[in-house]
């Protein structure tokens, strides 16, 4: 249903580019681009479709659309699950540079795109059997860039409406979504397990329709606690975890306000708050 909704919205944007109708459609497209990120993420856990091969194929092509190598992200992300907020967590590579809030806001598109580059460059995490697939996905990513430039020359209005404008909105929505996931959470002396993840991760509260179109990526702490749960069961799983899930959930806009008060996450600041046990 999600992919059908994305296809239908894309068709409408092609048919009515840069019109009054396109404004809400661009917003929906941006939200569903975040859903594509979550689809990519779920494919790594083989939660998107019943079979591993289907998850692999869809993950490779969705990842290429998003500019991220599937095998590189798979190794990177699964290592993050193993070592969440503890020594060796590869996500530390995202948060090595401090920045002012205003500068961070202006550079959000570069920051989000930069995270994909960091994942793609994580050659140290790849295994021997990943190399050929990684090369293939990087080739797809370069092909994607060529196709976008070609589309912009041949169909500028449609390319702006379908891809470039939604991508700009996507960058800001996705930045705060991903930035919130372990923001101001303590550094773990040992990697957390099970429901312990609620201490080190966060859920965001969104209107249900936005959560659905984003494939409930806002239930990040719940995903860490139950990584094998399907995306569409996230609200149900979070409810089953009771008060511990509620205590780790904040409104999306509430998090944005917190970010503005406290500033950009940097990994050394998180580490300095090490908690024993």
C-alpha atoms as a PDB file:
ATOM      1  CA  UNK A   1       0.000   0.000   0.000  1.00  0.00           C
ATOM      2  CA  UNK A   2       2.833   2.407   0.846  1.00  0.00           C
ATOM      3  CA  UNK A   3       4.556   1.963  -2.524  1.00  0.00           C
ATOM      4  CA  UNK A   4       1.218   2.338  -4.328  1.00  0.00           C
ATOM      5  CA  UNK A   5       0.549   5.590  -2.444  1.00  0.00           C
ATOM      6  CA  UNK A   6       4.008   6.877  -3.373  1.00  0.00           C
ATOM      7  CA  UNK A   7       3.475   5.937  -7.026  1.00  0.00           C
ATOM      8  CA  UNK A   8       0.052   7.637  -7.102  1.00  0.00           C
ATOM      9  CA  UNK A   9       1.418  10.809  -5.513  1.00  0.00           C
ATOM     10  CA  UNK A  10       4.326  10.833  -7.961  1.00  0.00           C
ATOM     11  CA  UNK A  11       1.916  10.479 -10.904  1.00  0.00           C
ATOM     12  CA  UNK A  12      -0.143  13.452  -9.663  1.00  0.00           C
ATOM     13  CA  UNK A  13       2.981  15.574  -9.282  1.00  0.00           C
ATOM     14  CA  UNK A  14       4.023  14.700 -12.844  1.00  0.00           C
ATOM     15  CA  UNK A  15       0.554  15.591 -14.104  1.00  0.00           C
ATOM     16  CA  UNK A  16       0.243  18.850 -12.094  1.00  0.00           C
ATOM     17  CA  UNK A  17       3.771  20.143 -11.478  1.00  0.00           C
ATOM     18  CA  UNK A  18       4.240  23.484  -9.729  1.00  0.00           C
ATOM     19  CA  UNK A  19       0.505  24.148  -9.439  1.00  0.00           C
ATOM     20  CA  UNK A  20      -1.674  24.981  -6.415  1.00  0.00           C
ATOM     21  CA  UNK A  21      -2.398  21.268  -6.098  1.00  0.00           C
ATOM     22  CA  UNK A  22       1.308  20.434  -6.015  1.00  0.00           C
ATOM     23  CA  UNK A  23       2.034  22.130  -2.651  1.00  0.00           C
ATOM     24  CA  UNK A  24       0.299  19.517  -0.445  1.00  0.00           C
ATOM     25  CA  UNK A  25       1.478  16.769  -2.795  1.00  0.00           C
ATOM     26  CA  UNK A  26       5.105  17.887  -2.392  1.00  0.00           C
ATOM     27  CA  UNK A  27       4.657  17.708   1.397  1.00  0.00           C
ATOM     28  CA  UNK A  28       3.201  14.196   1.114  1.00  0.00           C
ATOM     29  CA  UNK A  29       6.065  13.192  -1.175  1.00  0.00           C
ATOM     30  CA  UNK A  30       8.606  14.421   1.378  1.00  0.00           C
ATOM     31  CA  UNK A  31       6.925  12.466   4.163  1.00  0.00           C
ATOM     32  CA  UNK A  32       6.906   9.342   2.009  1.00  0.00           C
ATOM     33  CA  UNK A  33      10.590   9.843   1.186  1.00  0.00           C
ATOM     34  CA  UNK A  34      11.162   9.452   4.937  1.00  0.00           C
ATOM     35  CA  UNK A  35       9.018   6.330   4.616  1.00  0.00           C
ATOM     36  CA  UNK A  36      11.436   5.156   1.916  1.00  0.00           C
ATOM     37  CA  UNK A  37      14.310   5.579   4.381  1.00  0.00           C
ATOM     38  CA  UNK A  38      12.402   3.393   6.819  1.00  0.00           C
ATOM     39  CA  UNK A  39      11.614   0.858   4.068  1.00  0.00           C
ATOM     40  CA  UNK A  40      15.350   0.703   3.358  1.00  0.00           C
ATOM     41  CA  UNK A  41      16.014   0.275   7.071  1.00  0.00           C
ATOM     42  CA  UNK A  42      13.381  -2.448   7.428  1.00  0.00           C
ATOM     43  CA  UNK A  43      14.822  -4.330   4.449  1.00  0.00           C
ATOM     44  CA  UNK A  44      18.135  -4.602   6.322  1.00  0.00           C
ATOM     45  CA  UNK A  45      16.268  -6.415   9.109  1.00  0.00           C
ATOM     46  CA  UNK A  46      14.335  -8.510   6.530  1.00  0.00           C
ATOM     47  CA  UNK A  47      11.133  -7.032   7.949  1.00  0.00           C
ATOM     48  CA  UNK A  48       9.772  -5.409   4.801  1.00  0.00           C
ATOM     49  CA  UNK A  49       8.796  -8.580   2.914  1.00  0.00           C
ATOM     50  CA  UNK A  50       8.556 -12.258   3.952  1.00  0.00           C
ATOM     51  CA  UNK A  51      11.625 -13.451   2.006  1.00  0.00           C
ATOM     52  CA  UNK A  52      15.245 -12.348   2.425  1.00  0.00           C
ATOM     53  CA  UNK A  53      15.789 -12.129  -1.337  1.00  0.00           C
ATOM     54  CA  UNK A  54      12.873  -9.709  -1.775  1.00  0.00           C
ATOM     55  CA  UNK A  55      14.211  -7.566   1.070  1.00  0.00           C
ATOM     56  CA  UNK A  56      17.665  -7.589  -0.526  1.00  0.00           C
ATOM     57  CA  UNK A  57      16.463  -6.604  -4.016  1.00  0.00           C
ATOM     58  CA  UNK A  58      14.173  -3.822  -2.801  1.00  0.00           C
ATOM     59  CA  UNK A  59      16.792  -2.658  -0.301  1.00  0.00           C
ATOM     60  CA  UNK A  60      19.469  -2.352  -2.993  1.00  0.00           C
ATOM     61  CA  UNK A  61      17.319  -0.220  -5.305  1.00  0.00           C
ATOM     62  CA  UNK A  62      15.657   1.899  -2.604  1.00  0.00           C
ATOM     63  CA  UNK A  63      19.071   2.487  -1.070  1.00  0.00           C
ATOM     64  CA  UNK A  64      20.470   3.541  -4.453  1.00  0.00           C
ATOM     65  CA  UNK A  65      17.585   5.998  -4.857  1.00  0.00           C
ATOM     66  CA  UNK A  66      18.509   7.434  -1.446  1.00  0.00           C
ATOM     67  CA  UNK A  67      22.222   7.499  -2.290  1.00  0.00           C
ATOM     68  CA  UNK A  68      23.207   4.760   0.159  1.00  0.00           C
ATOM     69  CA  UNK A  69      24.878   1.400  -0.434  1.00  0.00           C
ATOM     70  CA  UNK A  70      22.777  -1.473   0.884  1.00  0.00           C
ATOM     71  CA  UNK A  71      25.658  -3.730   2.022  1.00  0.00           C
ATOM     72  CA  UNK A  72      27.532  -0.822   3.615  1.00  0.00           C
ATOM     73  CA  UNK A  73      24.408   0.358   5.453  1.00  0.00           C
ATOM     74  CA  UNK A  74      23.533  -3.182   6.517  1.00  0.00           C
ATOM     75  CA  UNK A  75      26.918  -3.713   8.201  1.00  0.00           C
ATOM     76  CA  UNK A  76      26.905  -0.187   9.623  1.00  0.00           C
ATOM     77  CA  UNK A  77      23.393  -0.414  11.024  1.00  0.00           C
ATOM     78  CA  UNK A  78      23.607  -3.923  12.468  1.00  0.00           C
ATOM     79  CA  UNK A  79      26.841  -2.918  14.235  1.00  0.00           C
ATOM     80  CA  UNK A  80      24.935   0.058  15.641  1.00  0.00           C
ATOM     81  CA  UNK A  81      22.336  -2.348  17.041  1.00  0.00           C
ATOM     82  CA  UNK A  82      25.057  -4.466  18.621  1.00  0.00           C
ATOM     83  CA  UNK A  83      26.820  -1.496  20.242  1.00  0.00           C
ATOM     84  CA  UNK A  84      24.108   1.146  20.683  1.00  0.00           C
ATOM     85  CA  UNK A  85      25.509   4.260  22.409  1.00  0.00           C
ATOM     86  CA  UNK A  86      28.567   2.328  23.557  1.00  0.00           C
ATOM     87  CA  UNK A  87      32.201   2.088  22.526  1.00  0.00           C
ATOM     88  CA  UNK A  88      32.425   1.051  18.873  1.00  0.00           C
ATOM     89  CA  UNK A  89      28.963   2.303  17.828  1.00  0.00           C
ATOM     90  CA  UNK A  90      29.573   3.382  14.205  1.00  0.00           C
ATOM     91  CA  UNK A  91      26.994   6.181  14.494  1.00  0.00           C
ATOM     92  CA  UNK A  92      29.653   8.076  16.452  1.00  0.00           C
ATOM     93  CA  UNK A  93      31.015   8.937  12.999  1.00  0.00           C
ATOM     94  CA  UNK A  94      27.945  11.127  12.412  1.00  0.00           C
ATOM     95  CA  UNK A  95      28.562  13.343  15.442  1.00  0.00           C
ATOM     96  CA  UNK A  96      32.250  14.232  15.514  1.00  0.00           C
ATOM     97  CA  UNK A  97      31.964  17.963  14.749  1.00  0.00           C
ATOM     98  CA  UNK A  98      30.319  20.605  16.902  1.00  0.00           C
ATOM     99  CA  UNK A  99      28.270  23.290  15.133  1.00  0.00           C
ATOM    100  CA  UNK A 100      26.188  26.316  16.021  1.00  0.00           C
ATOM    101  CA  UNK A 101      22.438  25.824  15.750  1.00  0.00           C
ATOM    102  CA  UNK A 102      22.010  28.408  12.975  1.00  0.00           C
ATOM    103  CA  UNK A 103      24.849  26.921  10.934  1.00  0.00           C
ATOM    104  CA  UNK A 104      23.460  23.427  11.513  1.00  0.00           C
ATOM    105  CA  UNK A 105      20.004  24.536  10.288  1.00  0.00           C
ATOM    106  CA  UNK A 106      21.419  26.034   7.110  1.00  0.00           C
ATOM    107  CA  UNK A 107      23.549  22.964   6.418  1.00  0.00           C
ATOM    108  CA  UNK A 108      20.916  20.295   7.139  1.00  0.00           C
ATOM    109  CA  UNK A 109      20.690  19.115   3.484  1.00  0.00           C
ATOM    110  CA  UNK A 110      24.475  18.710   3.368  1.00  0.00           C
ATOM    111  CA  UNK A 111      24.506  16.985   6.768  1.00  0.00           C
ATOM    112  CA  UNK A 112      21.846  14.417   5.838  1.00  0.00           C
ATOM    113  CA  UNK A 113      23.483  13.707   2.471  1.00  0.00           C
ATOM    114  CA  UNK A 114      26.812  13.525   4.297  1.00  0.00           C
ATOM    115  CA  UNK A 115      25.546  10.740   6.539  1.00  0.00           C
ATOM    116  CA  UNK A 116      24.953   8.618   3.434  1.00  0.00           C
ATOM    117  CA  UNK A 117      28.513   9.359   2.322  1.00  0.00           C
ATOM    118  CA  UNK A 118      29.857   8.306   5.728  1.00  0.00           C
ATOM    119  CA  UNK A 119      28.006   4.996   5.465  1.00  0.00           C
ATOM    120  CA  UNK A 120      29.192   4.434   1.895  1.00  0.00           C
ATOM    121  CA  UNK A 121      32.773   5.097   2.967  1.00  0.00           C
ATOM    122  CA  UNK A 122      32.665   2.615   5.878  1.00  0.00           C
ATOM    123  CA  UNK A 123      34.818   0.107   4.013  1.00  0.00           C
ATOM    124  CA  UNK A 124      36.216  -1.236   7.296  1.00  0.00           C
ATOM    125  CA  UNK A 125      32.823  -2.755   8.149  1.00  0.00           C
ATOM    126  CA  UNK A 126      32.331  -4.553   4.836  1.00  0.00           C
ATOM    127  CA  UNK A 127      32.996  -8.254   4.607  1.00  0.00           C
ATOM    128  CA  UNK A 128      34.524 -10.015   1.609  1.00  0.00           C
ATOM    129  CA  UNK A 129      31.172 -11.220   0.278  1.00  0.00           C
ATOM    130  CA  UNK A 130      29.837  -7.627   0.368  1.00  0.00           C
ATOM    131  CA  UNK A 131      32.377  -6.129  -2.025  1.00  0.00           C
ATOM    132  CA  UNK A 132      30.764  -6.912  -5.390  1.00  0.00           C
ATOM    133  CA  UNK A 133      27.286  -5.868  -4.262  1.00  0.00           C
ATOM    134  CA  UNK A 134      28.722  -2.671  -2.785  1.00  0.00           C
ATOM    135  CA  UNK A 135      30.391  -1.845  -6.115  1.00  0.00           C
ATOM    136  CA  UNK A 136      27.130  -2.540  -7.947  1.00  0.00           C
ATOM    137  CA  UNK A 137      25.086  -0.316  -5.631  1.00  0.00           C
ATOM    138  CA  UNK A 138      27.636   2.494  -5.897  1.00  0.00           C
ATOM    139  CA  UNK A 139      27.301   2.216  -9.684  1.00  0.00           C
ATOM    140  CA  UNK A 140      23.532   2.555  -9.301  1.00  0.00           C
ATOM    141  CA  UNK A 141      24.038   5.628  -7.123  1.00  0.00           C
ATOM    142  CA  UNK A 142      26.208   7.296  -9.782  1.00  0.00           C
ATOM    143  CA  UNK A 143      23.631   6.352 -12.434  1.00  0.00           C
ATOM    144  CA  UNK A 144      20.921   7.931 -10.265  1.00  0.00           C
ATOM    145  CA  UNK A 145      22.839  11.222 -10.226  1.00  0.00           C
ATOM    146  CA  UNK A 146      23.129  11.192 -14.021  1.00  0.00           C
ATOM    147  CA  UNK A 147      19.419  10.429 -14.435  1.00  0.00           C
ATOM    148  CA  UNK A 148      18.430  13.256 -12.073  1.00  0.00           C
ATOM    149  CA  UNK A 149      20.543  15.747 -14.036  1.00  0.00           C
ATOM    150  CA  UNK A 150      19.108  14.479 -17.315  1.00  0.00           C
ATOM    151  CA  UNK A 151      15.552  14.715 -15.997  1.00  0.00           C
ATOM    152  CA  UNK A 152      16.200  18.242 -14.759  1.00  0.00           C
ATOM    153  CA  UNK A 153      17.308  19.286 -18.253  1.00  0.00           C
ATOM    154  CA  UNK A 154      14.460  17.539 -20.097  1.00  0.00           C
ATOM    155  CA  UNK A 155      11.609  17.900 -17.603  1.00  0.00           C
ATOM    156  CA  UNK A 156      12.542  20.688 -15.183  1.00  0.00           C
ATOM    157  CA  UNK A 157       9.073  21.342 -13.700  1.00  0.00           C
ATOM    158  CA  UNK A 158       8.315  17.677 -13.109  1.00  0.00           C
ATOM    159  CA  UNK A 159      11.769  17.008 -11.629  1.00  0.00           C
ATOM    160  CA  UNK A 160      11.394  19.916  -9.232  1.00  0.00           C
ATOM    161  CA  UNK A 161       7.920  18.788  -8.167  1.00  0.00           C
ATOM    162  CA  UNK A 162       8.586  15.050  -7.949  1.00  0.00           C
ATOM    163  CA  UNK A 163      12.093  15.019  -6.529  1.00  0.00           C
ATOM    164  CA  UNK A 164      13.992  18.217  -5.743  1.00  0.00           C
ATOM    165  CA  UNK A 165      11.397  20.167  -3.738  1.00  0.00           C
ATOM    166  CA  UNK A 166      10.215  17.099  -1.775  1.00  0.00           C
ATOM    167  CA  UNK A 167      13.861  16.197  -1.127  1.00  0.00           C
ATOM    168  CA  UNK A 168      14.501  19.623   0.376  1.00  0.00           C
ATOM    169  CA  UNK A 169      11.572  19.187   2.786  1.00  0.00           C
ATOM    170  CA  UNK A 170      12.662  15.595   3.399  1.00  0.00           C
ATOM    171  CA  UNK A 171      16.117  16.697   4.519  1.00  0.00           C
ATOM    172  CA  UNK A 172      14.688  18.795   7.364  1.00  0.00           C
ATOM    173  CA  UNK A 173      12.062  16.270   8.442  1.00  0.00           C
ATOM    174  CA  UNK A 174      14.568  13.409   8.353  1.00  0.00           C
ATOM    175  CA  UNK A 175      17.320  15.382  10.117  1.00  0.00           C
ATOM    176  CA  UNK A 176      15.293  15.935  13.269  1.00  0.00           C
ATOM    177  CA  UNK A 177      13.854  12.431  13.093  1.00  0.00           C
ATOM    178  CA  UNK A 178      17.278  10.781  12.987  1.00  0.00           C
ATOM    179  CA  UNK A 179      18.951  13.330  15.283  1.00  0.00           C
ATOM    180  CA  UNK A 180      16.395  12.626  18.005  1.00  0.00           C
ATOM    181  CA  UNK A 181      16.958   8.894  18.137  1.00  0.00           C
ATOM    182  CA  UNK A 182      19.696   8.890  20.796  1.00  0.00           C
ATOM    183  CA  UNK A 183      19.912  12.611  21.558  1.00  0.00           C
ATOM    184  CA  UNK A 184      20.971  13.431  25.140  1.00  0.00           C
ATOM    185  CA  UNK A 185      20.827   9.781  26.047  1.00  0.00           C
ATOM    186  CA  UNK A 186      23.603   8.398  28.274  1.00  0.00           C
ATOM    187  CA  UNK A 187      26.658   6.655  26.959  1.00  0.00           C
ATOM    188  CA  UNK A 188      26.373   2.934  27.763  1.00  0.00           C
ATOM    189  CA  UNK A 189      29.280   1.222  29.519  1.00  0.00           C
ATOM    190  CA  UNK A 190      28.004  -2.001  27.949  1.00  0.00           C
ATOM    191  CA  UNK A 191      25.679  -2.349  24.968  1.00  0.00           C
ATOM    192  CA  UNK A 192      21.991  -2.349  26.053  1.00  0.00           C
ATOM    193  CA  UNK A 193      19.683  -5.304  25.447  1.00  0.00           C
ATOM    194  CA  UNK A 194      15.908  -5.684  25.142  1.00  0.00           C
ATOM    195  CA  UNK A 195      13.876  -3.076  27.010  1.00  0.00           C
ATOM    196  CA  UNK A 196      17.099  -1.479  28.259  1.00  0.00           C
ATOM    197  CA  UNK A 197      17.165   0.278  24.870  1.00  0.00           C
ATOM    198  CA  UNK A 198      14.458   2.688  26.055  1.00  0.00           C
ATOM    199  CA  UNK A 199      17.068   4.225  28.340  1.00  0.00           C
ATOM    200  CA  UNK A 200      19.342   4.935  25.386  1.00  0.00           C
ATOM    201  CA  UNK A 201      16.861   5.636  22.563  1.00  0.00           C
ATOM    202  CA  UNK A 202      13.773   7.754  21.927  1.00  0.00           C
ATOM    203  CA  UNK A 203      10.383   7.585  20.211  1.00  0.00           C
ATOM    204  CA  UNK A 204       8.753  10.656  18.691  1.00  0.00           C
ATOM    205  CA  UNK A 205       5.021  11.327  18.799  1.00  0.00           C
ATOM    206  CA  UNK A 206       3.450  12.222  15.446  1.00  0.00           C
ATOM    207  CA  UNK A 207      -0.096  12.321  14.067  1.00  0.00           C
ATOM    208  CA  UNK A 208      -0.878   8.737  13.119  1.00  0.00           C
ATOM    209  CA  UNK A 209      -1.272   9.477   9.395  1.00  0.00           C
ATOM    210  CA  UNK A 210       2.188  11.052   9.246  1.00  0.00           C
ATOM    211  CA  UNK A 211       3.620   8.137  11.212  1.00  0.00           C
ATOM    212  CA  UNK A 212       2.007   5.681   8.816  1.00  0.00           C
ATOM    213  CA  UNK A 213       3.302   7.453   5.686  1.00  0.00           C
ATOM    214  CA  UNK A 214       6.746   7.451   7.341  1.00  0.00           C
ATOM    215  CA  UNK A 215       6.378   3.700   8.056  1.00  0.00           C
ATOM    216  CA  UNK A 216       6.408   4.521  11.793  1.00  0.00           C
ATOM    217  CA  UNK A 217      10.092   5.408  11.758  1.00  0.00           C
ATOM    218  CA  UNK A 218       9.282   7.602  14.775  1.00  0.00           C
ATOM    219  CA  UNK A 219       9.188   4.447  16.971  1.00  0.00           C
ATOM    220  CA  UNK A 220      12.957   4.168  17.082  1.00  0.00           C
ATOM    221  CA  UNK A 221      13.328   3.112  20.715  1.00  0.00           C
ATOM    222  CA  UNK A 222      10.650   0.466  20.249  1.00  0.00           C
ATOM    223  CA  UNK A 223      12.470  -0.805  17.169  1.00  0.00           C
ATOM    224  CA  UNK A 224      15.683  -1.150  19.184  1.00  0.00           C
ATOM    225  CA  UNK A 225      13.842  -3.033  21.912  1.00  0.00           C
ATOM    226  CA  UNK A 226      12.088  -5.309  19.370  1.00  0.00           C
ATOM    227  CA  UNK A 227      14.095  -5.195  16.110  1.00  0.00           C
ATOM    228  CA  UNK A 228      12.280  -8.161  14.556  1.00  0.00           C
ATOM    229  CA  UNK A 229       8.842  -6.487  14.843  1.00  0.00           C
ATOM    230  CA  UNK A 230       7.284  -5.424  11.543  1.00  0.00           C
ATOM    231  CA  UNK A 231       7.023  -1.675  10.916  1.00  0.00           C
ATOM    232  CA  UNK A 232       3.218  -1.659  10.881  1.00  0.00           C
ATOM    233  CA  UNK A 233       3.136  -3.223  14.369  1.00  0.00           C
ATOM    234  CA  UNK A 234       5.252  -0.515  15.996  1.00  0.00           C
ATOM    235  CA  UNK A 235       2.370   1.346  17.737  1.00  0.00           C
ATOM    236  CA  UNK A 236       1.013  -1.968  19.039  1.00  0.00           C
ATOM    237  CA  UNK A 237       4.445  -3.140  20.242  1.00  0.00           C
ATOM    238  CA  UNK A 238       5.144   0.208  21.928  1.00  0.00           C
ATOM    239  CA  UNK A 239       1.791   0.005  23.723  1.00  0.00           C
ATOM    240  CA  UNK A 240       2.668  -3.500  24.955  1.00  0.00           C
ATOM    241  CA  UNK A 241       5.866  -2.106  26.497  1.00  0.00           C
ATOM    242  CA  UNK A 242       3.747   0.182  28.671  1.00  0.00           C
ATOM    243  CA  UNK A 243       5.113   3.032  30.760  1.00  0.00           C
ATOM    244  CA  UNK A 244       8.733   2.488  29.781  1.00  0.00           C
ATOM    245  CA  UNK A 245       7.840   3.303  26.156  1.00  0.00           C
ATOM    246  CA  UNK A 246       5.701   6.288  27.153  1.00  0.00           C
ATOM    247  CA  UNK A 247       8.530   7.705  29.243  1.00  0.00           C
ATOM    248  CA  UNK A 248      10.844   7.607  26.221  1.00  0.00           C
ATOM    249  CA  UNK A 249       8.381   9.329  23.862  1.00  0.00           C
ATOM    250  CA  UNK A 250       8.290  13.060  23.144  1.00  0.00           C
ATOM    251  CA  UNK A 251       6.372  15.095  20.542  1.00  0.00           C
ATOM    252  CA  UNK A 252       8.263  15.736  17.309  1.00  0.00           C
ATOM    253  CA  UNK A 253       7.986  19.518  17.658  1.00  0.00           C
ATOM    254  CA  UNK A 254       8.886  19.203  21.335  1.00  0.00           C
ATOM    255  CA  UNK A 255      12.135  17.577  20.309  1.00  0.00           C
ATOM    256  CA  UNK A 256      12.839  20.347  17.769  1.00  0.00           C
ATOM    257  CA  UNK A 257      12.433  22.896  20.584  1.00  0.00           C
ATOM    258  CA  UNK A 258      14.768  20.855  22.785  1.00  0.00           C
ATOM    259  CA  UNK A 259      17.314  20.726  19.973  1.00  0.00           C
ATOM    260  CA  UNK A 260      17.132  24.505  19.647  1.00  0.00           C
ATOM    261  CA  UNK A 261      17.742  24.916  23.403  1.00  0.00           C
ATOM    262  CA  UNK A 262      20.552  22.386  23.752  1.00  0.00           C
ATOM    263  CA  UNK A 263      22.189  22.382  20.325  1.00  0.00           C
ATOM    264  CA  UNK A 264      23.605  19.816  17.953  1.00  0.00           C
ATOM    265  CA  UNK A 265      24.498  16.379  19.219  1.00  0.00           C
ATOM    266  CA  UNK A 266      28.208  15.608  19.397  1.00  0.00           C
ATOM    267  CA  UNK A 267      29.469  12.171  20.355  1.00  0.00           C
ATOM    268  CA  UNK A 268      32.216  13.322  22.800  1.00  0.00           C
ATOM    269  CA  UNK A 269      29.581  15.194  24.845  1.00  0.00           C
ATOM    270  CA  UNK A 270      27.523  12.018  25.015  1.00  0.00           C
ATOM    271  CA  UNK A 271      30.551   9.980  26.058  1.00  0.00           C
ATOM    272  CA  UNK A 272      31.386  12.374  28.852  1.00  0.00           C
ATOM    273  CA  UNK A 273      28.100  11.383  30.477  1.00  0.00           C
ATOM    274  CA  UNK A 274      29.159   7.702  30.812  1.00  0.00           C
ATOM    275  CA  UNK A 275      27.044   5.740  33.234  1.00  0.00           C
ATOM    276  CA  UNK A 276      28.343   2.633  34.886  1.00  0.00           C
ATOM    277  CA  UNK A 277      26.369  -0.577  34.491  1.00  0.00           C
END
